[in-house]
Amino acid sequence: MNQPTPWHLGRLAGFDTETTGVDVETDRIVTACIVEVGGKQQPITANWLLNPGVDIPEEATAVHGVTTAKAKADGEDAAEAIEELIAGLTQVILAGTPLVIMNAPFDLTLLDREARRYGVQPLTEVVGDELQVIDPRVLDKGVDPYRRGKRTLTDLCAHYHVALDGAHSADADAIAACRVAWRIASRFREIGNALLHELHDQQQDWAAAQAASFQEYLRQKDPAAVVNGQWPLIPAQQDGGAR
């Protein structure tokens, strides 16, 4: 019987957002990108600039460069953009293309809350169990748990010798995440040769264990510290959550 082609040798789709802040329950998406790369084909990139409907804090602008004025003048209506984003991701997922998201619980949870905020059907309700994610952050810590130092995208790019041009722009970060995922899969055969659904499940287990370990560490100083280990996104509360 023929062996399936390793997932990292075909087409990969990267997804990334830049936002008004880091609270997935209340902050908003400002820019987003879905990029398809690899598979011996030319990259295809789709970018969005949103008018988030709220002021963009100066500290967020300092990261991604989008001001409130620019978002209001040039940004797409947020509800329409969120619907387009979910449609684009749905197309990629249902085509069987591995979806690469660095620190997936941030981007996917934020997207989920945005969808609920605007009455758009959330991605998880559209694709169900077809959502299979590759998260370079979880993979890296899974295969190399004791390496010292940070594991931001910039750090992973340096460690795996991946160029990162224009960090903190959604398209640059999405492409870099795909390249890091490819490097990890190429270096560690157990990752590259794993079936996609098995690797998704493995990352769920790793993410939970990594969060538990970090929570134990934090509780040495703060007994009340809590680290959420749900992956690839934090499910919405029954009362709706997003505001």
C-alpha atoms as a PDB file:
ATOM      1  CA  MET A   1       0.000   0.000   0.000  1.00  0.00           C
ATOM      2  CA  ASN A   2       1.333   3.428  -0.905  1.00  0.00           C
ATOM      3  CA  GLN A   3       2.386   5.643   1.965  1.00  0.00           C
ATOM      4  CA  PRO A   4       0.698   9.076   2.074  1.00  0.00           C
ATOM      5  CA  THR A   5       2.860  12.059   1.173  1.00  0.00           C
ATOM      6  CA  PRO A   6       4.164  13.706   4.358  1.00  0.00           C
ATOM      7  CA  TRP A   7       1.955  16.678   5.197  1.00  0.00           C
ATOM      8  CA  HIS A   8       4.791  19.197   5.146  1.00  0.00           C
ATOM      9  CA  LEU A   9       5.817  18.387   1.587  1.00  0.00           C
ATOM     10  CA  GLY A  10       2.544  19.618   0.134  1.00  0.00           C
ATOM     11  CA  ARG A  11       0.676  22.880   0.330  1.00  0.00           C
ATOM     12  CA  LEU A  12       0.535  24.686   3.701  1.00  0.00           C
ATOM     13  CA  ALA A  13      -1.815  27.489   4.707  1.00  0.00           C
ATOM     14  CA  GLY A  14      -0.739  30.073   7.273  1.00  0.00           C
ATOM     15  CA  PHE A  15      -3.105  32.270   9.262  1.00  0.00           C
ATOM     16  CA  ASP A  16      -2.171  35.250  11.399  1.00  0.00           C
ATOM     17  CA  THR A  17      -3.768  38.363  12.868  1.00  0.00           C
ATOM     18  CA  GLU A  18      -2.664  41.675  14.318  1.00  0.00           C
ATOM     19  CA  THR A  19      -4.992  43.110  16.930  1.00  0.00           C
ATOM     20  CA  THR A  20      -5.956  45.909  19.293  1.00  0.00           C
ATOM     21  CA  GLY A  21      -4.492  43.978  22.253  1.00  0.00           C
ATOM     22  CA  VAL A  22      -3.963  40.572  23.815  1.00  0.00           C
ATOM     23  CA  ASP A  23      -7.318  39.856  25.495  1.00  0.00           C
ATOM     24  CA  VAL A  24      -9.037  37.298  23.272  1.00  0.00           C
ATOM     25  CA  GLU A  25     -12.416  37.975  24.862  1.00  0.00           C
ATOM     26  CA  THR A  26     -12.546  41.731  24.271  1.00  0.00           C
ATOM     27  CA  ASP A  27      -9.873  42.816  21.789  1.00  0.00           C
ATOM     28  CA  ARG A  28     -10.415  43.089  18.050  1.00  0.00           C
ATOM     29  CA  ILE A  29      -8.714  42.025  14.830  1.00  0.00           C
ATOM     30  CA  VAL A  30      -7.054  44.889  12.928  1.00  0.00           C
ATOM     31  CA  THR A  31      -5.258  42.999  10.147  1.00  0.00           C
ATOM     32  CA  ALA A  32      -5.346  39.376   9.065  1.00  0.00           C
ATOM     33  CA  CYS A  33      -3.740  37.165   6.452  1.00  0.00           C
ATOM     34  CA  ILE A  34      -4.310  33.748   4.943  1.00  0.00           C
ATOM     35  CA  VAL A  35      -1.367  32.590   2.853  1.00  0.00           C
ATOM     36  CA  GLU A  36      -0.890  29.354   0.924  1.00  0.00           C
ATOM     37  CA  VAL A  37       2.696  28.297   0.290  1.00  0.00           C
ATOM     38  CA  GLY A  38       4.716  25.262  -0.736  1.00  0.00           C
ATOM     39  CA  GLY A  39       3.803  22.278  -2.837  1.00  0.00           C
ATOM     40  CA  LYS A  40       6.009  23.590  -5.657  1.00  0.00           C
ATOM     41  CA  GLN A  41       3.453  26.302  -6.412  1.00  0.00           C
ATOM     42  CA  GLN A  42       3.539  30.069  -6.177  1.00  0.00           C
ATOM     43  CA  PRO A  43       2.368  31.613  -2.871  1.00  0.00           C
ATOM     44  CA  ILE A  44      -1.190  32.948  -2.717  1.00  0.00           C
ATOM     45  CA  THR A  45      -1.821  35.653  -0.135  1.00  0.00           C
ATOM     46  CA  ALA A  46      -5.060  37.277   0.989  1.00  0.00           C
ATOM     47  CA  ASN A  47      -4.831  40.249   3.354  1.00  0.00           C
ATOM     48  CA  TRP A  48      -7.484  42.126   5.304  1.00  0.00           C
ATOM     49  CA  LEU A  49      -7.443  45.529   7.003  1.00  0.00           C
ATOM     50  CA  LEU A  50     -10.409  45.928   9.334  1.00  0.00           C
ATOM     51  CA  ASN A  51     -12.100  48.861  10.940  1.00  0.00           C
ATOM     52  CA  PRO A  52     -12.415  47.264  14.383  1.00  0.00           C
ATOM     53  CA  GLY A  53     -15.023  49.763  15.580  1.00  0.00           C
ATOM     54  CA  VAL A  54     -12.918  50.755  18.585  1.00  0.00           C
ATOM     55  CA  ASP A  55      -9.831  52.895  19.045  1.00  0.00           C
ATOM     56  CA  ILE A  56      -6.522  51.133  18.495  1.00  0.00           C
ATOM     57  CA  PRO A  57      -4.241  51.725  21.508  1.00  0.00           C
ATOM     58  CA  GLU A  58      -0.908  53.384  20.809  1.00  0.00           C
ATOM     59  CA  GLU A  59       0.977  50.363  22.131  1.00  0.00           C
ATOM     60  CA  ALA A  60      -0.792  48.148  19.583  1.00  0.00           C
ATOM     61  CA  THR A  61      -0.089  50.600  16.776  1.00  0.00           C
ATOM     62  CA  ALA A  62       3.575  50.534  17.811  1.00  0.00           C
ATOM     63  CA  VAL A  63       3.579  46.789  17.085  1.00  0.00           C
ATOM     64  CA  HIS A  64       1.719  46.566  13.773  1.00  0.00           C
ATOM     65  CA  GLY A  65       1.719  50.160  12.518  1.00  0.00           C
ATOM     66  CA  VAL A  66      -2.031  50.605  12.003  1.00  0.00           C
ATOM     67  CA  THR A  67      -3.563  53.684  13.580  1.00  0.00           C
ATOM     68  CA  THR A  68      -7.194  54.274  14.447  1.00  0.00           C
ATOM     69  CA  ALA A  69      -7.380  56.887  11.693  1.00  0.00           C
ATOM     70  CA  LYS A  70      -6.031  54.505   9.050  1.00  0.00           C
ATOM     71  CA  ALA A  71      -8.378  51.708  10.145  1.00  0.00           C
ATOM     72  CA  LYS A  72     -11.373  54.048   9.951  1.00  0.00           C
ATOM     73  CA  ALA A  73     -10.344  55.457   6.576  1.00  0.00           C
ATOM     74  CA  ASP A  74      -9.221  52.289   4.804  1.00  0.00           C
ATOM     75  CA  GLY A  75     -10.486  49.366   6.860  1.00  0.00           C
ATOM     76  CA  GLU A  76     -13.255  47.017   5.772  1.00  0.00           C
ATOM     77  CA  ASP A  77     -16.411  46.680   7.826  1.00  0.00           C
ATOM     78  CA  ALA A  78     -15.432  44.265  10.597  1.00  0.00           C
ATOM     79  CA  ALA A  79     -18.496  42.012  10.301  1.00  0.00           C
ATOM     80  CA  GLU A  80     -17.985  41.565   6.561  1.00  0.00           C
ATOM     81  CA  ALA A  81     -14.260  40.925   6.982  1.00  0.00           C
ATOM     82  CA  ILE A  82     -14.797  38.308   9.701  1.00  0.00           C
ATOM     83  CA  GLU A  83     -17.275  36.503   7.449  1.00  0.00           C
ATOM     84  CA  GLU A  84     -14.728  36.559   4.611  1.00  0.00           C
ATOM     85  CA  LEU A  85     -11.963  35.289   6.888  1.00  0.00           C
ATOM     86  CA  ILE A  86     -14.044  32.350   8.050  1.00  0.00           C
ATOM     87  CA  ALA A  87     -15.037  31.547   4.470  1.00  0.00           C
ATOM     88  CA  GLY A  88     -11.384  31.607   3.404  1.00  0.00           C
ATOM     89  CA  LEU A  89     -10.262  29.388   6.269  1.00  0.00           C
ATOM     90  CA  THR A  90     -13.158  27.012   5.627  1.00  0.00           C
ATOM     91  CA  GLN A  91     -12.087  26.614   2.014  1.00  0.00           C
ATOM     92  CA  VAL A  92      -8.520  25.810   3.052  1.00  0.00           C
ATOM     93  CA  ILE A  93      -9.546  23.383   5.791  1.00  0.00           C
ATOM     94  CA  LEU A  94     -12.090  21.460   3.724  1.00  0.00           C
ATOM     95  CA  ALA A  95      -9.512  21.141   0.942  1.00  0.00           C
ATOM     96  CA  GLY A  96      -7.346  19.224   3.411  1.00  0.00           C
ATOM     97  CA  THR A  97      -4.547  21.802   3.476  1.00  0.00           C
ATOM     98  CA  PRO A  98      -2.721  21.841   6.831  1.00  0.00           C
ATOM     99  CA  LEU A  99      -3.506  25.086   8.661  1.00  0.00           C
ATOM    100  CA  VAL A 100      -0.419  26.567  10.354  1.00  0.00           C
ATOM    101  CA  ILE A 101      -1.015  29.046  13.185  1.00  0.00           C
ATOM    102  CA  MET A 102       1.657  30.218  15.588  1.00  0.00           C
ATOM    103  CA  ASN A 103       0.130  30.181  19.096  1.00  0.00           C
ATOM    104  CA  ALA A 104      -3.195  29.027  17.658  1.00  0.00           C
ATOM    105  CA  PRO A 105      -5.316  29.592  20.809  1.00  0.00           C
ATOM    106  CA  PHE A 106      -4.775  33.339  20.487  1.00  0.00           C
ATOM    107  CA  ASP A 107      -5.756  33.833  16.837  1.00  0.00           C
ATOM    108  CA  LEU A 108      -8.488  31.190  16.690  1.00  0.00           C
ATOM    109  CA  THR A 109     -10.106  32.208  19.976  1.00  0.00           C
ATOM    110  CA  LEU A 110     -10.054  35.865  18.978  1.00  0.00           C
ATOM    111  CA  LEU A 111     -11.589  34.995  15.588  1.00  0.00           C
ATOM    112  CA  ASP A 112     -14.241  32.899  17.321  1.00  0.00           C
ATOM    113  CA  ARG A 113     -15.225  35.773  19.610  1.00  0.00           C
ATOM    114  CA  GLU A 114     -15.298  38.213  16.708  1.00  0.00           C
ATOM    115  CA  ALA A 115     -17.642  35.892  14.818  1.00  0.00           C
ATOM    116  CA  ARG A 116     -19.983  35.636  17.787  1.00  0.00           C
ATOM    117  CA  ARG A 117     -19.821  39.392  18.302  1.00  0.00           C
ATOM    118  CA  TYR A 118     -21.133  40.032  14.770  1.00  0.00           C
ATOM    119  CA  GLY A 119     -23.514  37.092  14.464  1.00  0.00           C
ATOM    120  CA  VAL A 120     -21.293  35.182  12.013  1.00  0.00           C
ATOM    121  CA  GLN A 121     -21.218  31.377  12.244  1.00  0.00           C
ATOM    122  CA  PRO A 122     -17.935  30.509  14.025  1.00  0.00           C
ATOM    123  CA  LEU A 123     -15.297  28.493  12.191  1.00  0.00           C
ATOM    124  CA  THR A 124     -15.583  25.508  14.518  1.00  0.00           C
ATOM    125  CA  GLU A 125     -19.306  25.245  13.824  1.00  0.00           C
ATOM    126  CA  VAL A 126     -18.673  25.331  10.071  1.00  0.00           C
ATOM    127  CA  VAL A 127     -15.857  22.784   9.794  1.00  0.00           C
ATOM    128  CA  GLY A 128     -16.307  20.710  12.967  1.00  0.00           C
ATOM    129  CA  ASP A 129     -13.735  17.948  13.345  1.00  0.00           C
ATOM    130  CA  GLU A 130     -12.132  18.903  10.041  1.00  0.00           C
ATOM    131  CA  LEU A 131     -10.219  21.644  11.900  1.00  0.00           C
ATOM    132  CA  GLN A 132      -6.685  20.272  12.078  1.00  0.00           C
ATOM    133  CA  VAL A 133      -4.005  22.748  13.080  1.00  0.00           C
ATOM    134  CA  ILE A 134      -0.214  22.834  13.051  1.00  0.00           C
ATOM    135  CA  ASP A 135       1.117  25.110  15.807  1.00  0.00           C
ATOM    136  CA  PRO A 136       4.900  25.667  15.582  1.00  0.00           C
ATOM    137  CA  ARG A 137       5.035  26.872  19.195  1.00  0.00           C
ATOM    138  CA  VAL A 138       3.503  23.665  20.551  1.00  0.00           C
ATOM    139  CA  LEU A 139       5.494  21.460  18.179  1.00  0.00           C
ATOM    140  CA  ASP A 140       8.808  23.094  19.072  1.00  0.00           C
ATOM    141  CA  LYS A 141       8.281  22.690  22.796  1.00  0.00           C
ATOM    142  CA  GLY A 142       7.016  19.150  22.267  1.00  0.00           C
ATOM    143  CA  VAL A 143      10.136  17.984  20.459  1.00  0.00           C
ATOM    144  CA  ASP A 144      12.637  20.149  22.375  1.00  0.00           C
ATOM    145  CA  PRO A 145      11.103  20.762  25.822  1.00  0.00           C
ATOM    146  CA  TYR A 146      14.229  21.670  27.757  1.00  0.00           C
ATOM    147  CA  ARG A 147      15.803  24.250  25.448  1.00  0.00           C
ATOM    148  CA  ARG A 148      16.321  27.511  27.297  1.00  0.00           C
ATOM    149  CA  GLY A 149      15.035  30.836  26.071  1.00  0.00           C
ATOM    150  CA  LYS A 150      11.833  32.258  24.692  1.00  0.00           C
ATOM    151  CA  ARG A 151       9.748  30.644  21.964  1.00  0.00           C
ATOM    152  CA  THR A 152       8.200  33.593  20.172  1.00  0.00           C
ATOM    153  CA  LEU A 153       7.983  33.434  16.386  1.00  0.00           C
ATOM    154  CA  THR A 154      11.091  35.607  16.164  1.00  0.00           C
ATOM    155  CA  ASP A 155      12.949  33.184  18.449  1.00  0.00           C
ATOM    156  CA  LEU A 156      11.789  30.118  16.520  1.00  0.00           C
ATOM    157  CA  CYS A 157      12.807  31.705  13.227  1.00  0.00           C
ATOM    158  CA  ALA A 158      16.283  32.323  14.611  1.00  0.00           C
ATOM    159  CA  HIS A 159      16.551  28.795  16.020  1.00  0.00           C
ATOM    160  CA  TYR A 160      15.380  27.076  12.820  1.00  0.00           C
ATOM    161  CA  HIS A 161      17.192  29.486  10.460  1.00  0.00           C
ATOM    162  CA  VAL A 162      14.055  30.926   8.896  1.00  0.00           C
ATOM    163  CA  ALA A 163      14.019  34.455   7.461  1.00  0.00           C
ATOM    164  CA  LEU A 164      11.440  36.754   9.059  1.00  0.00           C
ATOM    165  CA  ASP A 165      10.939  39.866   6.977  1.00  0.00           C
ATOM    166  CA  GLY A 166       8.574  42.446   8.411  1.00  0.00           C
ATOM    167  CA  ALA A 167       7.815  40.844  11.786  1.00  0.00           C
ATOM    168  CA  HIS A 168       4.430  41.793  13.246  1.00  0.00           C
ATOM    169  CA  SER A 169       2.772  42.166   9.895  1.00  0.00           C
ATOM    170  CA  ALA A 170       0.189  39.417   9.488  1.00  0.00           C
ATOM    171  CA  ASP A 171       1.417  38.191   6.098  1.00  0.00           C
ATOM    172  CA  ALA A 172       5.096  38.023   7.092  1.00  0.00           C
ATOM    173  CA  ASP A 173       4.276  36.195  10.306  1.00  0.00           C
ATOM    174  CA  ALA A 174       1.967  33.712   8.550  1.00  0.00           C
ATOM    175  CA  ILE A 175       4.615  32.815   5.972  1.00  0.00           C
ATOM    176  CA  ALA A 176       7.335  32.529   8.628  1.00  0.00           C
ATOM    177  CA  ALA A 177       5.155  30.207  10.738  1.00  0.00           C
ATOM    178  CA  CYS A 178       4.720  27.896   7.738  1.00  0.00           C
ATOM    179  CA  ARG A 179       8.473  27.846   7.181  1.00  0.00           C
ATOM    180  CA  VAL A 180       9.158  27.038  10.840  1.00  0.00           C
ATOM    181  CA  ALA A 181       6.595  24.224  10.732  1.00  0.00           C
ATOM    182  CA  TRP A 182       8.301  22.850   7.618  1.00  0.00           C
ATOM    183  CA  ARG A 183      11.701  23.000   9.323  1.00  0.00           C
ATOM    184  CA  ILE A 184      10.443  21.177  12.411  1.00  0.00           C
ATOM    185  CA  ALA A 185       8.767  18.490  10.322  1.00  0.00           C
ATOM    186  CA  SER A 186      11.898  18.058   8.212  1.00  0.00           C
ATOM    187  CA  ARG A 187      14.170  17.808  11.247  1.00  0.00           C
ATOM    188  CA  PHE A 188      11.988  15.528  13.369  1.00  0.00           C
ATOM    189  CA  ARG A 189      10.726  12.562  11.359  1.00  0.00           C
ATOM    190  CA  GLU A 190       8.070  11.669  13.928  1.00  0.00           C
ATOM    191  CA  ILE A 191       6.466  15.041  13.208  1.00  0.00           C
ATOM    192  CA  GLY A 192       6.869  15.052   9.446  1.00  0.00           C
ATOM    193  CA  ASN A 193       5.643  11.475   9.002  1.00  0.00           C
ATOM    194  CA  ALA A 194       2.667  11.753  11.363  1.00  0.00           C
ATOM    195  CA  LEU A 195      -0.839  11.739   9.958  1.00  0.00           C
ATOM    196  CA  LEU A 196      -2.406  15.154  10.292  1.00  0.00           C
ATOM    197  CA  HIS A 197      -5.257  14.126  12.592  1.00  0.00           C
ATOM    198  CA  GLU A 198      -2.840  12.214  14.833  1.00  0.00           C
ATOM    199  CA  LEU A 199      -0.523  15.211  15.032  1.00  0.00           C
ATOM    200  CA  HIS A 200      -3.466  17.462  15.905  1.00  0.00           C
ATOM    201  CA  ASP A 201      -4.369  15.162  18.805  1.00  0.00           C
ATOM    202  CA  GLN A 202      -0.730  14.990  19.910  1.00  0.00           C
ATOM    203  CA  GLN A 203      -0.547  18.776  20.032  1.00  0.00           C
ATOM    204  CA  GLN A 204      -3.676  18.895  22.201  1.00  0.00           C
ATOM    205  CA  ASP A 205      -1.944  16.606  24.688  1.00  0.00           C
ATOM    206  CA  TRP A 206       1.309  18.552  24.529  1.00  0.00           C
ATOM    207  CA  ALA A 207      -0.426  21.912  24.953  1.00  0.00           C
ATOM    208  CA  ALA A 208      -2.289  20.671  28.024  1.00  0.00           C
ATOM    209  CA  ALA A 209       0.900  19.275  29.564  1.00  0.00           C
ATOM    210  CA  GLN A 210       2.893  22.428  28.742  1.00  0.00           C
ATOM    211  CA  ALA A 211       0.242  24.632  30.343  1.00  0.00           C
ATOM    212  CA  ALA A 212       0.098  22.454  33.450  1.00  0.00           C
ATOM    213  CA  SER A 213       3.880  22.600  33.818  1.00  0.00           C
ATOM    214  CA  PHE A 214       3.937  26.386  33.408  1.00  0.00           C
ATOM    215  CA  GLN A 215       1.083  26.771  35.885  1.00  0.00           C
ATOM    216  CA  GLU A 216       2.982  24.677  38.435  1.00  0.00           C
ATOM    217  CA  TYR A 217       6.016  26.916  37.952  1.00  0.00           C
ATOM    218  CA  LEU A 218       3.982  30.116  38.368  1.00  0.00           C
ATOM    219  CA  ARG A 219       2.308  28.807  41.510  1.00  0.00           C
ATOM    220  CA  GLN A 220       5.641  28.744  43.291  1.00  0.00           C
ATOM    221  CA  LYS A 221       5.142  32.525  43.602  1.00  0.00           C
ATOM    222  CA  ASP A 222       1.414  32.911  43.019  1.00  0.00           C
ATOM    223  CA  PRO A 223      -0.706  30.015  44.364  1.00  0.00           C
ATOM    224  CA  ALA A 224      -3.728  31.300  42.435  1.00  0.00           C
ATOM    225  CA  ALA A 225      -2.048  31.362  39.004  1.00  0.00           C
ATOM    226  CA  VAL A 226      -4.021  29.658  36.228  1.00  0.00           C
ATOM    227  CA  VAL A 227      -2.756  28.750  32.740  1.00  0.00           C
ATOM    228  CA  ASN A 228      -5.396  27.614  30.265  1.00  0.00           C
ATOM    229  CA  GLY A 229      -4.185  24.592  28.309  1.00  0.00           C
ATOM    230  CA  GLN A 230      -7.064  24.319  25.850  1.00  0.00           C
ATOM    231  CA  TRP A 231      -5.893  24.053  22.240  1.00  0.00           C
ATOM    232  CA  PRO A 232      -6.296  25.028  19.408  1.00  0.00           C
ATOM    233  CA  LEU A 233      -8.835  27.487  20.839  1.00  0.00           C
ATOM    234  CA  ILE A 234     -10.675  28.255  24.045  1.00  0.00           C
ATOM    235  CA  PRO A 235     -14.371  27.353  23.637  1.00  0.00           C
ATOM    236  CA  ALA A 236     -16.826  30.199  24.208  1.00  0.00           C
ATOM    237  CA  GLN A 237     -18.770  30.239  27.447  1.00  0.00           C
ATOM    238  CA  GLN A 238     -22.424  29.337  27.259  1.00  0.00           C
ATOM    239  CA  ASP A 239     -23.432  32.920  28.054  1.00  0.00           C
ATOM    240  CA  GLY A 240     -21.756  34.145  24.874  1.00  0.00           C
ATOM    241  CA  GLY A 241     -18.633  35.729  26.331  1.00  0.00           C
ATOM    242  CA  ALA A 242     -17.620  38.216  23.622  1.00  0.00           C
ATOM    243  CA  ARG A 243     -18.507  41.874  24.098  1.00  0.00           C
END
